[in-house]
N, C-alpha and C. Protein backbone atom coordinates (compact mmCIF):
# COMPACT_ATOMS: atom_id res chain seq x y z
N MET A 1 22.32 -27.07 -12.51
CA MET A 1 21.59 -26.46 -13.51
C MET A 1 21.10 -25.12 -13.09
N ILE A 2 21.22 -24.13 -13.91
CA ILE A 2 20.44 -22.82 -13.70
C ILE A 2 19.36 -22.91 -14.56
N ALA A 3 18.19 -22.78 -14.16
CA ALA A 3 16.81 -22.72 -14.96
C ALA A 3 16.69 -21.44 -15.57
N ASP A 4 16.18 -21.55 -16.79
CA ASP A 4 15.51 -20.23 -17.27
C ASP A 4 14.13 -20.36 -17.31
N ASP A 5 13.44 -19.21 -17.80
CA ASP A 5 12.00 -19.12 -17.41
C ASP A 5 11.20 -20.31 -18.25
N ALA A 6 11.63 -20.62 -19.33
CA ALA A 6 10.93 -21.73 -20.05
C ALA A 6 11.19 -23.00 -19.42
N THR A 7 12.33 -23.37 -18.60
CA THR A 7 12.34 -24.38 -17.84
C THR A 7 11.52 -24.47 -16.74
N PHE A 8 11.39 -23.25 -16.09
CA PHE A 8 10.66 -23.17 -14.80
C PHE A 8 9.06 -23.42 -15.23
N ARG A 9 8.60 -22.82 -16.39
CA ARG A 9 7.37 -22.88 -16.90
C ARG A 9 7.11 -24.45 -17.03
N ARG A 10 7.93 -25.15 -17.72
CA ARG A 10 7.79 -26.63 -18.12
C ARG A 10 7.78 -27.42 -16.84
N LEU A 11 8.53 -27.13 -15.83
CA LEU A 11 8.49 -27.90 -14.53
C LEU A 11 7.33 -27.53 -13.70
N MET A 12 6.72 -26.34 -13.80
CA MET A 12 5.42 -25.92 -13.04
C MET A 12 4.35 -26.55 -13.69
N ARG A 13 4.49 -26.63 -15.06
CA ARG A 13 3.37 -27.22 -15.87
C ARG A 13 3.08 -28.66 -15.44
N ALA A 14 4.23 -29.31 -15.40
CA ALA A 14 4.20 -30.78 -15.01
C ALA A 14 3.88 -30.97 -13.61
N SER A 15 4.40 -29.99 -12.75
CA SER A 15 4.00 -30.21 -11.28
C SER A 15 2.62 -30.01 -11.11
N GLN A 16 1.85 -29.18 -11.82
CA GLN A 16 0.51 -28.87 -11.64
C GLN A 16 -0.38 -30.08 -12.09
N GLN A 17 0.25 -30.94 -12.83
CA GLN A 17 -0.39 -32.12 -13.46
C GLN A 17 0.04 -33.43 -12.55
N GLY A 18 0.60 -33.21 -11.43
CA GLY A 18 0.93 -34.19 -10.33
C GLY A 18 2.25 -34.93 -10.61
N ASP A 19 3.09 -34.38 -11.39
CA ASP A 19 4.65 -34.99 -11.51
C ASP A 19 5.45 -34.61 -10.38
N LYS A 20 5.66 -35.49 -9.40
CA LYS A 20 6.29 -35.27 -8.15
C LYS A 20 7.80 -34.91 -8.36
N GLN A 21 8.42 -35.72 -9.23
CA GLN A 21 9.77 -35.49 -9.55
C GLN A 21 10.05 -34.14 -10.10
N CYS A 22 9.18 -33.64 -10.99
CA CYS A 22 9.31 -32.27 -11.56
C CYS A 22 9.23 -31.16 -10.50
N TYR A 23 8.24 -31.57 -9.65
CA TYR A 23 7.81 -30.59 -8.49
C TYR A 23 9.02 -30.37 -7.59
N SER A 24 9.73 -31.57 -7.35
CA SER A 24 11.04 -31.60 -6.41
C SER A 24 12.23 -30.68 -7.20
N VAL A 25 12.29 -30.90 -8.45
CA VAL A 25 13.29 -30.20 -9.26
C VAL A 25 12.95 -28.63 -9.23
N LEU A 26 11.57 -28.35 -9.49
CA LEU A 26 11.08 -26.99 -9.45
C LEU A 26 11.47 -26.37 -8.17
N LEU A 27 11.21 -26.97 -7.03
CA LEU A 27 11.54 -26.42 -5.69
C LEU A 27 12.96 -26.12 -5.52
N ALA A 28 13.74 -27.05 -5.86
CA ALA A 28 15.32 -26.88 -5.79
C ALA A 28 15.88 -25.74 -6.62
N GLU A 29 15.22 -25.54 -7.85
CA GLU A 29 15.63 -24.45 -8.76
C GLU A 29 15.12 -23.10 -8.16
N CYS A 30 13.87 -23.08 -7.63
CA CYS A 30 13.37 -21.95 -7.03
C CYS A 30 14.06 -21.51 -5.76
N ASP A 31 14.63 -22.49 -5.04
CA ASP A 31 15.48 -22.21 -3.87
C ASP A 31 16.67 -21.55 -4.40
N LYS A 32 17.34 -22.09 -5.34
CA LYS A 32 18.58 -21.39 -5.85
C LYS A 32 18.25 -19.88 -6.37
N TRP A 33 17.22 -19.83 -7.07
CA TRP A 33 16.91 -18.50 -7.71
C TRP A 33 16.70 -17.51 -6.59
N LEU A 34 15.80 -17.95 -5.48
CA LEU A 34 15.45 -17.14 -4.41
C LEU A 34 16.55 -16.60 -3.75
N ARG A 35 17.55 -17.58 -3.43
CA ARG A 35 18.66 -17.21 -2.67
C ARG A 35 19.51 -16.07 -3.39
N ARG A 36 19.68 -16.19 -4.72
CA ARG A 36 20.36 -15.14 -5.49
C ARG A 36 19.51 -13.80 -5.40
N TYR A 37 18.21 -13.95 -5.55
CA TYR A 37 17.18 -12.88 -5.57
C TYR A 37 17.23 -12.01 -4.32
N PHE A 38 17.37 -12.79 -3.01
CA PHE A 38 17.28 -12.19 -1.75
C PHE A 38 18.60 -11.69 -1.22
N ALA A 39 19.74 -12.24 -1.80
CA ALA A 39 21.14 -12.05 -1.24
C ALA A 39 21.53 -10.51 -1.05
N ALA A 40 21.07 -9.66 -1.92
CA ALA A 40 21.58 -8.17 -1.63
C ALA A 40 20.35 -7.58 -0.75
N LYS A 41 19.12 -8.25 -0.62
CA LYS A 41 17.97 -7.53 0.08
C LYS A 41 17.97 -7.67 1.51
N ILE A 42 18.60 -8.75 2.13
CA ILE A 42 18.29 -9.10 3.57
C ILE A 42 19.58 -9.63 4.19
N ALA A 43 19.64 -9.53 5.41
CA ALA A 43 20.72 -10.05 6.27
C ALA A 43 21.00 -11.54 5.97
N PRO A 44 22.22 -11.96 5.81
CA PRO A 44 22.46 -13.48 5.65
C PRO A 44 21.86 -14.34 6.57
N ALA A 45 21.57 -13.91 7.91
CA ALA A 45 21.14 -14.64 8.96
C ALA A 45 19.55 -14.95 8.81
N ALA A 46 18.88 -13.97 7.99
CA ALA A 46 17.44 -14.15 7.76
C ALA A 46 17.19 -14.81 6.47
N LEU A 47 18.10 -15.13 5.70
CA LEU A 47 17.98 -15.67 4.26
C LEU A 47 17.27 -16.95 4.21
N GLU A 48 17.71 -17.92 5.09
CA GLU A 48 17.11 -19.33 5.06
C GLU A 48 15.66 -19.29 5.32
N ASP A 49 15.28 -18.45 6.33
CA ASP A 49 13.91 -18.42 6.76
C ASP A 49 12.96 -17.83 5.53
N LEU A 50 13.58 -16.87 4.99
CA LEU A 50 12.79 -16.18 4.02
C LEU A 50 12.55 -16.83 2.79
N VAL A 51 13.72 -17.68 2.34
CA VAL A 51 13.55 -18.55 1.17
C VAL A 51 12.44 -19.60 1.52
N GLN A 52 12.58 -20.19 2.77
CA GLN A 52 11.51 -21.24 3.21
C GLN A 52 10.02 -20.74 3.19
N GLU A 53 9.97 -19.58 3.75
CA GLU A 53 8.58 -18.94 3.56
C GLU A 53 8.19 -18.68 2.41
N THR A 54 9.04 -18.13 1.44
CA THR A 54 8.68 -18.05 0.06
C THR A 54 8.49 -19.44 -0.63
N LEU A 55 9.07 -20.47 -0.46
CA LEU A 55 8.83 -21.72 -1.00
C LEU A 55 7.52 -22.31 -0.65
N ILE A 56 7.09 -22.15 0.65
CA ILE A 56 5.76 -22.52 1.25
C ILE A 56 4.63 -21.73 0.47
N SER A 57 4.86 -20.39 0.15
CA SER A 57 3.99 -19.58 -0.51
C SER A 57 3.91 -20.01 -1.83
N VAL A 58 4.86 -20.46 -2.65
CA VAL A 58 4.83 -21.00 -3.99
C VAL A 58 4.09 -22.20 -3.93
N HIS A 59 4.39 -22.98 -2.90
CA HIS A 59 3.48 -24.37 -2.83
C HIS A 59 1.97 -24.19 -2.64
N ARG A 60 1.69 -23.12 -1.67
CA ARG A 60 0.24 -22.76 -1.50
C ARG A 60 -0.40 -22.23 -2.74
N LYS A 61 0.37 -21.41 -3.54
CA LYS A 61 -0.08 -20.58 -4.63
C LYS A 61 0.04 -21.42 -5.96
N ARG A 62 0.60 -22.51 -5.97
CA ARG A 62 0.98 -23.16 -7.22
C ARG A 62 -0.35 -23.37 -8.11
N ALA A 63 -1.43 -23.55 -7.78
CA ALA A 63 -2.65 -23.76 -8.45
C ALA A 63 -3.09 -22.39 -9.15
N SER A 64 -2.53 -21.33 -8.69
CA SER A 64 -2.92 -20.09 -9.22
C SER A 64 -2.01 -19.68 -10.40
N TYR A 65 -1.04 -20.44 -10.66
CA TYR A 65 -0.08 -20.18 -11.67
C TYR A 65 -0.71 -20.64 -12.86
N ASP A 66 -0.57 -19.50 -14.02
CA ASP A 66 -0.97 -19.77 -15.41
C ASP A 66 0.15 -20.11 -16.28
N PRO A 67 0.21 -21.44 -16.62
CA PRO A 67 1.54 -21.74 -17.40
C PRO A 67 1.73 -21.00 -18.76
N GLU A 68 0.65 -20.36 -19.26
CA GLU A 68 0.89 -19.50 -20.47
C GLU A 68 1.61 -18.19 -20.17
N ARG A 69 2.01 -17.93 -18.91
CA ARG A 69 2.60 -16.59 -18.63
C ARG A 69 3.95 -16.94 -18.10
N ALA A 70 4.77 -16.02 -18.01
CA ALA A 70 6.13 -16.15 -17.49
C ALA A 70 6.26 -16.56 -15.99
N PHE A 71 7.16 -17.36 -15.69
CA PHE A 71 7.21 -17.91 -14.31
C PHE A 71 8.01 -16.96 -13.34
N LEU A 72 8.94 -16.46 -13.84
CA LEU A 72 10.06 -15.76 -12.93
C LEU A 72 9.31 -14.55 -12.37
N PRO A 73 8.63 -13.65 -13.21
CA PRO A 73 7.84 -12.52 -12.51
C PRO A 73 6.91 -13.11 -11.41
N TRP A 74 6.22 -14.16 -11.63
CA TRP A 74 5.33 -14.73 -10.69
C TRP A 74 6.03 -14.91 -9.38
N LEU A 75 7.07 -15.76 -9.54
CA LEU A 75 8.05 -16.17 -8.42
C LEU A 75 8.63 -14.88 -7.69
N ALA A 76 8.90 -13.93 -8.52
CA ALA A 76 9.62 -12.63 -7.94
C ALA A 76 8.59 -11.91 -7.05
N ALA A 77 7.23 -11.94 -7.67
CA ALA A 77 6.15 -11.20 -6.99
C ALA A 77 5.93 -11.79 -5.62
N ILE A 78 5.80 -13.13 -5.54
CA ILE A 78 5.69 -13.88 -4.22
C ILE A 78 6.87 -13.54 -3.41
N GLY A 79 8.11 -13.60 -3.81
CA GLY A 79 9.29 -13.26 -3.06
C GLY A 79 9.24 -11.80 -2.58
N ARG A 80 8.85 -10.96 -3.35
CA ARG A 80 8.83 -9.62 -2.86
C ARG A 80 7.82 -9.42 -1.76
N TYR A 81 6.73 -10.04 -1.87
CA TYR A 81 5.76 -10.01 -0.73
C TYR A 81 6.13 -10.62 0.38
N ARG A 82 6.76 -11.71 0.26
CA ARG A 82 7.28 -12.35 1.66
C ARG A 82 8.37 -11.55 2.13
N TRP A 83 9.28 -10.91 1.42
CA TRP A 83 10.29 -9.89 1.93
C TRP A 83 9.84 -8.79 2.60
N ILE A 84 8.73 -8.24 2.11
CA ILE A 84 8.09 -7.03 2.74
C ILE A 84 7.41 -7.58 4.12
N ASP A 85 6.74 -8.80 4.10
CA ASP A 85 6.09 -9.22 5.27
C ASP A 85 7.13 -9.39 6.28
N GLN A 86 8.43 -9.94 5.81
CA GLN A 86 9.37 -10.10 6.93
C GLN A 86 9.88 -8.76 7.41
N LEU A 87 10.05 -7.82 6.55
CA LEU A 87 10.42 -6.46 6.93
C LEU A 87 9.44 -5.94 7.99
N ARG A 88 8.07 -5.97 7.70
CA ARG A 88 7.09 -5.52 8.63
C ARG A 88 7.17 -6.26 10.00
N LYS A 89 7.38 -7.57 9.98
CA LYS A 89 7.42 -8.39 11.18
C LYS A 89 8.60 -7.91 11.91
N ALA A 90 9.67 -7.73 11.31
CA ALA A 90 10.87 -7.44 12.21
C ALA A 90 10.78 -5.97 12.57
N TYR A 91 10.15 -5.17 11.76
CA TYR A 91 9.98 -3.68 12.42
C TYR A 91 8.98 -3.71 13.59
N ARG A 92 7.85 -4.52 13.40
CA ARG A 92 6.85 -4.42 14.53
C ARG A 92 7.33 -5.19 15.91
N ASN A 93 8.11 -6.21 15.68
CA ASN A 93 8.57 -7.02 16.78
C ASN A 93 9.79 -6.38 17.53
N ASN A 94 10.54 -5.68 16.92
CA ASN A 94 11.66 -5.17 17.38
C ASN A 94 11.65 -3.57 17.79
N GLU A 95 10.59 -3.06 17.30
CA GLU A 95 10.52 -1.70 17.69
C GLU A 95 10.47 -1.26 19.14
N ALA A 96 9.62 -2.10 19.83
CA ALA A 96 9.53 -1.94 21.20
C ALA A 96 10.87 -2.36 22.12
N GLU A 97 11.50 -3.24 21.45
CA GLU A 97 12.85 -3.65 22.07
C GLU A 97 13.93 -2.85 21.92
N LEU A 98 13.91 -1.78 20.87
CA LEU A 98 15.08 -0.89 20.73
C LEU A 98 14.77 0.24 21.68
N ASP A 99 15.71 0.26 22.60
CA ASP A 99 15.87 1.27 23.62
C ASP A 99 16.90 2.44 23.32
N GLU A 100 16.48 3.56 23.27
CA GLU A 100 17.29 4.93 22.83
C GLU A 100 18.59 4.73 23.79
N ASN A 101 18.72 4.23 24.92
CA ASN A 101 19.75 4.32 25.79
C ASN A 101 20.88 3.07 25.33
N LEU A 102 20.38 2.32 24.56
CA LEU A 102 21.18 1.19 24.27
C LEU A 102 21.87 1.33 22.83
N VAL A 103 23.21 0.93 22.69
CA VAL A 103 23.63 1.03 21.51
C VAL A 103 23.38 -0.24 20.67
N ALA A 104 22.72 -0.25 19.56
CA ALA A 104 22.31 -1.36 18.85
C ALA A 104 23.50 -1.89 17.97
N ASP A 105 23.57 -3.21 17.77
CA ASP A 105 24.52 -3.73 16.93
C ASP A 105 24.12 -3.50 15.48
N PRO A 106 24.71 -2.73 14.67
CA PRO A 106 24.48 -2.44 13.40
C PRO A 106 24.32 -3.50 12.44
N GLN A 107 24.63 -4.69 12.79
CA GLN A 107 24.61 -5.84 11.89
C GLN A 107 23.36 -6.53 12.36
N SER A 108 22.70 -6.25 13.34
CA SER A 108 21.43 -6.89 13.90
C SER A 108 20.35 -6.89 12.74
N GLU A 109 19.68 -8.06 12.55
CA GLU A 109 18.58 -8.24 11.60
C GLU A 109 17.59 -7.11 11.77
N ALA A 110 17.18 -6.93 13.14
CA ALA A 110 16.15 -5.99 13.41
C ALA A 110 16.48 -4.51 13.07
N VAL A 111 17.71 -4.27 13.23
CA VAL A 111 18.16 -2.79 13.02
C VAL A 111 18.23 -2.79 11.63
N SER A 112 18.82 -3.75 10.83
CA SER A 112 18.73 -3.56 9.36
C SER A 112 17.44 -3.43 8.82
N ALA A 113 16.48 -4.30 9.31
CA ALA A 113 15.06 -4.30 8.70
C ALA A 113 14.43 -2.78 9.16
N LYS A 114 14.60 -2.32 10.21
CA LYS A 114 14.03 -0.99 10.45
C LYS A 114 14.72 0.15 9.74
N ILE A 115 16.06 0.04 9.51
CA ILE A 115 16.81 1.00 8.64
C ILE A 115 16.17 0.90 7.14
N SER A 116 16.06 -0.43 6.64
CA SER A 116 15.61 -0.53 5.36
C SER A 116 14.31 -0.06 5.04
N ILE A 117 13.32 -0.22 6.09
CA ILE A 117 11.93 0.32 6.08
C ILE A 117 11.89 1.82 6.01
N GLU A 118 12.58 2.35 7.07
CA GLU A 118 12.68 3.79 7.06
C GLU A 118 13.29 4.42 5.87
N SER A 119 14.32 3.80 5.24
CA SER A 119 14.95 4.45 4.19
C SER A 119 14.05 4.33 2.93
N LEU A 120 13.17 3.25 2.83
CA LEU A 120 12.35 3.18 1.86
C LEU A 120 11.14 4.04 2.04
N LEU A 121 10.63 4.45 3.19
CA LEU A 121 9.60 5.17 3.53
C LEU A 121 9.94 6.76 3.30
N GLU A 122 11.29 6.96 3.43
CA GLU A 122 11.80 8.34 3.29
C GLU A 122 11.73 8.80 1.78
N LYS A 123 11.55 7.90 0.93
CA LYS A 123 11.55 8.16 -0.62
C LYS A 123 10.15 8.42 -0.95
N LEU A 124 9.13 8.33 -0.16
CA LEU A 124 7.80 8.55 -0.45
C LEU A 124 7.45 10.04 0.01
N PRO A 125 6.31 10.55 -0.54
CA PRO A 125 5.82 11.84 0.01
C PRO A 125 5.34 11.54 1.48
N GLU A 126 5.49 12.59 2.28
CA GLU A 126 5.33 12.48 3.78
C GLU A 126 3.95 11.80 4.02
N LYS A 127 2.80 12.34 3.26
CA LYS A 127 1.45 11.92 3.61
C LYS A 127 1.44 10.36 3.45
N GLN A 128 1.80 9.94 2.27
CA GLN A 128 1.83 8.51 1.97
C GLN A 128 2.66 7.63 2.86
N ALA A 129 3.85 8.16 3.41
CA ALA A 129 4.73 7.34 4.29
C ALA A 129 4.06 7.26 5.68
N GLU A 130 3.42 8.37 6.16
CA GLU A 130 2.73 8.45 7.42
C GLU A 130 1.55 7.51 7.48
N VAL A 131 0.85 7.44 6.50
CA VAL A 131 -0.27 6.47 6.59
C VAL A 131 0.07 4.89 6.51
N ILE A 132 1.10 4.72 5.69
CA ILE A 132 1.54 3.35 5.73
C ILE A 132 2.25 2.97 6.90
N ARG A 133 3.01 3.86 7.64
CA ARG A 133 3.42 3.49 8.93
C ARG A 133 2.38 3.28 9.92
N LEU A 134 1.30 4.03 10.00
CA LEU A 134 0.18 4.05 10.75
C LEU A 134 -0.64 2.59 10.55
N VAL A 135 -0.92 2.43 9.43
CA VAL A 135 -1.91 1.31 9.11
C VAL A 135 -1.03 -0.08 8.78
N LYS A 136 0.00 -0.05 8.00
CA LYS A 136 0.55 -1.30 7.50
C LYS A 136 1.63 -1.77 8.59
N ILE A 137 2.33 -0.72 9.34
CA ILE A 137 3.29 -1.09 10.38
C ILE A 137 2.80 -1.13 11.67
N GLU A 138 2.21 -0.12 12.10
CA GLU A 138 1.63 -0.06 13.47
C GLU A 138 0.29 -0.81 13.69
N GLY A 139 -0.48 -1.07 12.58
CA GLY A 139 -1.64 -1.88 12.72
C GLY A 139 -3.01 -1.15 12.94
N LEU A 140 -2.96 0.28 12.69
CA LEU A 140 -4.03 0.94 12.99
C LEU A 140 -5.20 0.79 11.88
N SER A 141 -6.44 1.06 12.10
CA SER A 141 -7.53 0.96 11.12
C SER A 141 -7.34 2.14 10.22
N ILE A 142 -8.06 2.14 9.23
CA ILE A 142 -8.08 3.21 8.31
C ILE A 142 -8.77 4.38 9.00
N ALA A 143 -9.86 4.10 9.69
CA ALA A 143 -10.43 5.11 10.45
C ALA A 143 -9.61 5.82 11.48
N GLU A 144 -8.79 5.06 12.15
CA GLU A 144 -7.99 5.58 13.10
C GLU A 144 -6.79 6.48 12.41
N ALA A 145 -6.25 5.87 11.28
CA ALA A 145 -5.37 6.65 10.71
C ALA A 145 -5.86 8.05 10.22
N SER A 146 -7.10 7.78 9.60
CA SER A 146 -7.74 9.07 9.12
C SER A 146 -7.92 10.11 10.21
N ALA A 147 -8.28 9.76 11.27
CA ALA A 147 -8.45 10.67 12.45
C ALA A 147 -7.17 11.25 12.87
N MET A 148 -6.14 10.53 12.88
CA MET A 148 -4.93 10.88 13.23
C MET A 148 -4.22 11.93 12.45
N THR A 149 -4.48 11.79 11.04
CA THR A 149 -3.73 12.50 9.90
C THR A 149 -4.53 13.71 9.36
N ALA A 150 -5.86 13.73 9.76
CA ALA A 150 -6.84 14.61 9.19
C ALA A 150 -7.09 14.52 7.78
N GLN A 151 -7.00 13.19 7.26
CA GLN A 151 -7.17 12.90 5.79
C GLN A 151 -8.48 12.13 5.79
N SER A 152 -9.12 12.18 4.82
CA SER A 152 -10.34 11.31 4.75
C SER A 152 -10.08 9.82 4.56
N GLU A 153 -10.92 8.96 4.92
CA GLU A 153 -10.64 7.54 4.85
C GLU A 153 -10.37 7.22 3.40
N SER A 154 -10.88 7.81 2.50
CA SER A 154 -10.71 7.40 1.17
C SER A 154 -9.30 7.91 0.66
N LEU A 155 -8.96 8.98 1.05
CA LEU A 155 -7.52 9.57 0.98
C LEU A 155 -6.54 8.61 1.58
N VAL A 156 -6.72 8.30 2.71
CA VAL A 156 -5.77 7.29 3.44
C VAL A 156 -5.54 6.03 2.56
N LYS A 157 -6.76 5.52 2.10
CA LYS A 157 -6.62 4.35 1.25
C LYS A 157 -5.80 4.53 -0.07
N VAL A 158 -6.15 5.73 -0.66
CA VAL A 158 -5.40 6.07 -1.91
C VAL A 158 -3.88 6.25 -1.66
N ASN A 159 -3.63 6.96 -0.63
CA ASN A 159 -2.13 7.19 -0.21
C ASN A 159 -1.47 6.09 0.01
N ILE A 160 -2.05 4.96 0.75
CA ILE A 160 -1.62 3.65 0.99
C ILE A 160 -1.29 2.96 -0.22
N HIS A 161 -2.27 2.90 -1.02
CA HIS A 161 -2.08 2.16 -2.40
C HIS A 161 -0.95 2.88 -3.23
N ARG A 162 -0.95 4.12 -3.32
CA ARG A 162 0.01 4.67 -4.21
C ARG A 162 1.30 4.64 -3.61
N GLY A 163 1.53 4.70 -2.25
CA GLY A 163 2.78 4.42 -1.60
C GLY A 163 3.31 3.22 -1.72
N ILE A 164 2.48 2.27 -1.51
CA ILE A 164 2.89 0.73 -1.74
C ILE A 164 3.39 0.43 -3.13
N LYS A 165 2.69 0.93 -4.13
CA LYS A 165 3.03 0.76 -5.52
C LYS A 165 4.30 1.46 -5.83
N LYS A 166 4.58 2.59 -5.26
CA LYS A 166 5.84 3.34 -5.45
C LYS A 166 6.99 2.48 -4.77
N LEU A 167 6.82 1.96 -3.60
CA LEU A 167 7.67 1.12 -2.84
C LEU A 167 8.05 -0.12 -3.63
N ASN A 168 7.14 -0.64 -4.30
CA ASN A 168 7.30 -1.96 -5.08
C ASN A 168 8.23 -1.53 -6.26
N THR A 169 7.96 -0.41 -6.89
CA THR A 169 8.75 -0.02 -7.98
C THR A 169 10.19 0.27 -7.51
N ILE A 170 10.49 1.03 -6.36
CA ILE A 170 11.73 1.14 -5.75
C ILE A 170 12.42 -0.10 -5.52
N VAL A 171 11.73 -1.12 -4.94
CA VAL A 171 12.23 -2.48 -4.45
C VAL A 171 12.76 -3.16 -5.75
N GLU A 172 11.92 -3.26 -6.77
CA GLU A 172 12.18 -3.80 -8.15
C GLU A 172 13.44 -3.25 -8.60
N GLU A 173 13.60 -1.98 -8.54
CA GLU A 173 14.76 -1.32 -9.22
C GLU A 173 15.99 -1.75 -8.48
């Protein structure tokens, strides 16, 4: 069965009311949908972990779902956030491991993630990309990023917000 939005909504509504069987079916259908959603976005080796992390997030956030609204955009938003989190994590964890003297395997998940993030950031204005790298990837505070870029703290926040909003639009397209 390939569920449509109405089916997802019905299953989630029943799940929120405590129907364990509907919840089991809902998670199975979300699993199928997420695998298709992530197929072109991530290396096959990382797919299982990303789907599982997203399903855990769906489980944790299920009480926040409003059954009067569409289900698939809600699921896609959770998936998108988990995907971006995974890209950030891969970027942070493997940046130090990538040595300029070594030839990296182009199929490596870490290399793919870093290339994906860098190619996305290249589509942003330089000031937005710079503060996103500093704050969201390298983990600096707003004040530290402000000092390094000669932008006010409020401008750093605005540039991060606008940059992430644009990245979300690019990813969704």
